[in-house]
Protein backbone atom coordinates (compact mmCIF):
# COMPACT_ATOMS: atom_id res chain seq x y z
CA MET A 1 4.87 -27.68 4.17
CA GLU A 2 3.20 -25.05 2.01
CA LYS A 3 4.44 -21.48 2.38
CA LYS A 4 1.83 -19.14 3.88
CA ALA A 5 0.68 -16.33 1.58
CA GLN A 6 1.93 -12.86 2.43
CA LYS A 7 -0.89 -10.56 3.54
CA ILE A 8 -1.27 -7.18 1.81
CA LEU A 9 -3.56 -4.25 2.51
CA LEU A 10 -4.50 -2.44 -0.71
CA ALA A 11 -5.89 1.00 0.11
CA ASP A 12 -7.36 3.15 -2.65
CA ASP A 13 -10.62 5.03 -3.25
CA ASP A 14 -10.52 4.28 -7.00
CA VAL A 15 -12.81 1.23 -7.21
CA GLN A 16 -11.54 0.16 -10.64
CA PHE A 17 -7.90 0.30 -9.51
CA LEU A 18 -8.85 -1.51 -6.29
CA ASP A 19 -10.68 -4.34 -8.09
CA THR A 20 -8.01 -4.83 -10.76
CA GLY A 21 -5.18 -4.55 -8.23
CA LYS A 22 -6.80 -7.02 -5.85
CA SER A 23 -7.33 -9.54 -8.67
CA ALA A 24 -3.71 -9.19 -9.83
CA LEU A 25 -2.36 -9.61 -6.29
CA LEU A 26 -4.58 -12.63 -5.60
CA GLU A 27 -3.48 -14.20 -8.87
CA ALA A 28 0.16 -13.65 -7.81
CA GLY A 29 -0.53 -15.63 -4.64
CA PHE A 30 -0.99 -12.90 -2.05
CA GLU A 31 -3.74 -12.67 0.55
CA VAL A 32 -5.41 -9.26 0.08
CA ASP A 33 -7.57 -6.97 2.20
CA VAL A 34 -8.89 -3.75 0.69
CA ALA A 35 -9.72 -0.35 2.16
CA VAL A 36 -11.53 2.48 0.39
CA ASP A 37 -10.74 5.44 2.65
CA GLY A 38 -8.36 6.55 5.36
CA PHE A 39 -10.66 5.58 8.21
CA ASP A 40 -11.06 2.08 6.75
CA VAL A 41 -7.25 1.79 6.57
CA ALA A 42 -6.85 2.83 10.21
CA GLU A 43 -9.50 0.34 11.33
CA LYS A 44 -7.89 -2.53 9.39
CA LEU A 45 -4.42 -1.67 10.71
CA ASN A 46 -5.78 -1.84 14.26
CA ARG A 47 -7.33 -5.28 13.68
CA ASN A 48 -4.80 -7.02 11.41
CA LYS A 49 -1.11 -7.53 10.74
CA TYR A 50 0.12 -7.07 7.18
CA ASN A 51 3.35 -7.93 5.44
CA LEU A 52 2.98 -4.87 3.18
CA ILE A 53 0.62 -1.96 2.59
CA LEU A 54 -0.15 -0.43 -0.81
CA LEU A 55 -1.34 3.03 0.18
CA ASP A 56 -2.96 5.64 -2.05
CA LEU A 57 -2.02 9.19 -1.08
CA VAL A 58 -5.32 10.87 -1.95
CA MET A 59 -8.27 9.25 -0.20
CA PRO A 60 -11.32 10.53 1.64
CA GLY A 61 -11.25 10.66 5.41
CA LYS A 62 -7.51 10.64 5.98
CA ASN A 63 -4.83 10.95 3.35
CA GLY A 64 -2.08 8.42 2.82
CA GLU A 65 0.71 10.67 4.07
CA ASP A 66 -1.11 11.17 7.41
CA ILE A 67 -1.74 7.44 7.69
CA LEU A 68 1.93 6.70 7.03
CA ARG A 69 2.99 9.29 9.63
CA ASP A 70 0.55 7.84 12.20
CA MET A 71 1.82 4.32 11.53
CA ARG A 72 5.45 5.30 12.04
CA ASP A 73 4.63 7.38 15.14
CA ALA A 74 2.92 4.28 16.60
CA GLY A 75 5.99 2.14 15.87
CA ASN A 76 4.42 0.24 12.97
CA THR A 77 7.30 -0.62 10.61
CA THR A 78 5.24 -2.52 8.02
CA PRO A 79 6.64 -1.77 4.53
CA VAL A 80 4.51 0.75 2.64
CA VAL A 81 4.39 1.32 -1.10
CA VAL A 82 2.82 4.70 -1.80
CA LEU A 83 0.42 4.78 -4.75
CA THR A 84 -0.34 8.02 -6.55
CA SER A 85 -1.18 9.47 -9.92
CA LEU A 86 0.05 12.89 -8.83
CA PHE A 87 3.79 13.17 -9.07
CA ASP A 88 5.11 15.76 -6.65
CA ASN A 89 8.82 15.46 -5.85
CA GLU A 90 8.46 17.19 -2.46
CA GLU A 91 5.62 14.86 -1.47
CA LYS A 92 7.65 11.88 -2.66
CA GLN A 93 10.58 12.95 -0.48
CA ARG A 94 8.26 13.46 2.53
CA CYS A 95 6.80 9.98 2.13
CA LEU A 96 10.21 8.38 1.71
CA SER A 97 11.51 10.26 4.76
CA LEU A 98 8.50 8.93 6.73
CA GLY A 99 9.63 5.42 5.85
CA ALA A 100 7.77 4.54 2.66
CA SER A 101 9.66 1.79 0.83
CA LEU A 102 8.64 2.92 -2.63
CA TYR A 103 6.62 5.53 -4.51
CA PHE A 104 4.58 3.99 -7.37
CA ASP A 105 2.97 6.01 -10.18
CA LYS A 106 -0.48 4.53 -10.75
CA SER A 107 -1.58 6.98 -13.46
CA GLU A 108 -1.12 4.21 -16.06
CA PRO A 109 -1.09 1.16 -13.81
CA ASP A 110 1.16 -1.71 -14.81
CA PHE A 111 0.16 -4.40 -12.34
CA GLU A 112 2.89 -6.78 -13.47
CA SER A 113 5.45 -4.09 -12.58
CA LEU A 114 3.67 -3.33 -9.30
CA ILE A 115 3.72 -7.00 -8.27
CA GLU A 116 7.41 -7.23 -9.13
CA LYS A 117 8.09 -4.17 -6.95
CA VAL A 118 5.94 -5.61 -4.12
CA GLU A 119 7.90 -8.87 -4.25
CA ASN A 120 11.21 -6.95 -4.19
CA VAL A 121 10.14 -4.92 -1.15
CA LEU A 122 8.95 -8.05 0.67
CA ASN A 123 12.16 -9.92 -0.12
CA ASN A 124 14.27 -7.04 1.19
CA ASN A 125 12.42 -6.79 4.53
């Protein structure tokens, strides 16, 4: 029996990052939904179950930290990898304390490294 693909939500308002990231994840064998703003993320989380969420911190509508907080407050324990090009140690600590699995610097995206980290998070959950 063939193993079912793990489903990932990739949330980012940077269209180039979103397109390239989605292609890389699909090529790695994942099923991928995309969201371009915080409201889109919330809607998709209400309609679907994901194995992992790749969540940009700075998005229109609702920022990633608020989305993560809302998820955890609602009891959603889906692993979250925070994506950002702004490195702020306090923000990183807040996200990790809210239950983010990982904080990924996307300022110079290395999708091979991101996929490796995604696989590690999924294998450890």
